[in-house]
Amino acid sequence: MTEKKKVRLLRAISYFVLLLIVIYVLSIGPAYAFLLPRSAGVESRNSDLLHSFYHPVWWSFTKFSHEVTNLPYFLLVSYIRVWHSMVPESLTYSDPIWD
């Protein structure tokens, strides 16, 4: 492989990894909106699964909780609430269709 092709391949791989990380972080909103019901109690299996899968995101956004303003945490919670408001109650996991 020529040097130019190696550089292109490495650049493509790094863009792909960066895209996967962005998709992972942005998927927290739809995941919480669809899997955790608004009115019913939080089901432990979904809650545990979500908390363990998205723990790195929560940790990174709450890392600066000792600061006076915790803007990253506020933005994350607001993002999840926006998704919760967009998803109709009938489409959440607690609906009998999904059970």
Protein backbone atom coordinates (compact mmCIF):
# COMPACT_ATOMS: atom_id res chain seq x y z
CA MET A 1 0.00 0.00 0.00
CA THR A 2 1.28 3.40 -0.80
CA GLU A 3 1.72 6.03 1.89
CA LYS A 4 -1.15 8.09 0.51
CA LYS A 5 -3.58 5.17 0.72
CA LYS A 6 -2.52 4.42 4.29
CA VAL A 7 -3.21 8.00 5.32
CA ARG A 8 -6.60 7.90 3.62
CA LEU A 9 -7.49 4.65 5.33
CA LEU A 10 -6.45 5.92 8.75
CA ARG A 11 -8.42 9.11 8.22
CA ALA A 12 -11.51 7.16 7.16
CA ILE A 13 -11.23 4.88 10.20
CA SER A 14 -10.84 7.82 12.56
CA TYR A 15 -13.88 9.56 11.06
CA PHE A 16 -15.89 6.36 11.39
CA VAL A 17 -14.93 5.95 15.05
CA LEU A 18 -15.75 9.58 15.74
CA LEU A 19 -19.14 9.15 14.05
CA LEU A 20 -19.88 6.07 16.17
CA ILE A 21 -19.06 7.99 19.36
CA VAL A 22 -21.35 10.86 18.36
CA ILE A 23 -24.18 8.45 17.51
CA TYR A 24 -23.69 6.68 20.85
CA VAL A 25 -23.93 9.92 22.83
CA LEU A 26 -26.92 11.21 20.85
CA SER A 27 -28.78 7.89 21.19
CA ILE A 28 -29.25 8.43 24.92
CA GLY A 29 -32.29 10.65 24.32
CA PRO A 30 -34.33 8.23 22.20
CA ALA A 31 -33.30 5.27 24.34
CA TYR A 32 -34.53 6.86 27.56
CA ALA A 33 -37.66 8.20 25.84
CA PHE A 34 -38.73 4.85 24.42
CA LEU A 35 -37.60 2.47 27.17
CA LEU A 36 -38.51 4.38 30.32
CA PRO A 37 -42.19 5.24 30.76
CA ARG A 38 -43.16 8.72 31.95
CA SER A 39 -46.12 7.93 34.18
CA ALA A 40 -45.44 4.39 35.37
CA GLY A 41 -42.65 3.41 37.69
CA VAL A 42 -39.30 2.77 36.13
CA GLU A 43 -38.93 -0.90 35.32
CA SER A 44 -35.76 -2.18 36.92
CA ARG A 45 -34.52 -4.27 34.00
CA ASN A 46 -34.76 -1.38 31.54
CA SER A 47 -33.41 1.09 34.05
CA ASP A 48 -30.43 -1.11 34.93
CA LEU A 49 -29.71 -1.83 31.29
CA LEU A 50 -29.83 1.83 30.30
CA HIS A 51 -27.77 2.99 33.26
CA SER A 52 -25.07 0.43 32.63
CA PHE A 53 -24.97 1.02 28.85
CA TYR A 54 -24.92 4.81 29.13
CA HIS A 55 -22.79 5.02 32.28
CA PRO A 56 -19.82 6.53 30.40
CA VAL A 57 -22.06 9.31 29.07
CA TRP A 58 -23.54 10.05 32.51
CA TRP A 59 -20.11 9.97 34.09
CA SER A 60 -18.63 12.37 31.55
CA PHE A 61 -21.55 14.80 31.86
CA THR A 62 -21.64 14.70 35.68
CA LYS A 63 -17.87 14.77 36.12
CA PHE A 64 -17.95 18.50 36.79
CA SER A 65 -20.76 18.35 39.36
CA HIS A 66 -18.63 20.18 41.93
CA GLU A 67 -18.72 23.28 39.75
CA VAL A 68 -21.11 26.12 40.58
CA THR A 69 -23.06 25.63 37.36
CA ASN A 70 -23.36 22.15 36.02
CA LEU A 71 -24.18 23.05 32.42
CA PRO A 72 -23.22 19.70 30.79
CA TYR A 73 -25.52 17.77 33.14
CA PHE A 74 -28.33 20.29 32.59
CA LEU A 75 -27.95 19.97 28.81
CA LEU A 76 -28.02 16.16 28.98
CA VAL A 77 -31.15 16.07 31.12
CA SER A 78 -32.82 18.69 28.92
CA TYR A 79 -31.97 16.64 25.82
CA ILE A 80 -33.58 13.54 27.37
CA ARG A 81 -36.67 15.55 28.38
CA VAL A 82 -37.06 16.87 24.85
CA TRP A 83 -37.08 13.32 23.53
CA HIS A 84 -39.53 12.30 26.25
CA SER A 85 -41.88 15.09 25.20
CA MET A 86 -41.72 14.06 21.53
CA VAL A 87 -42.50 10.38 22.08
CA PRO A 88 -46.20 9.66 22.65
CA GLU A 89 -47.01 7.78 25.84
CA SER A 90 -48.48 4.94 23.77
CA LEU A 91 -45.09 4.19 22.18
CA THR A 92 -43.11 3.71 25.38
CA TYR A 93 -42.04 0.27 26.55
CA SER A 94 -44.78 0.06 29.18
CA ASP A 95 -47.41 -0.23 26.45
CA PRO A 96 -49.04 -3.71 26.28
CA ILE A 97 -48.10 -3.94 22.58
CA TRP A 98 -44.45 -4.33 23.55
CA ASP A 99 -45.02 -6.79 26.43
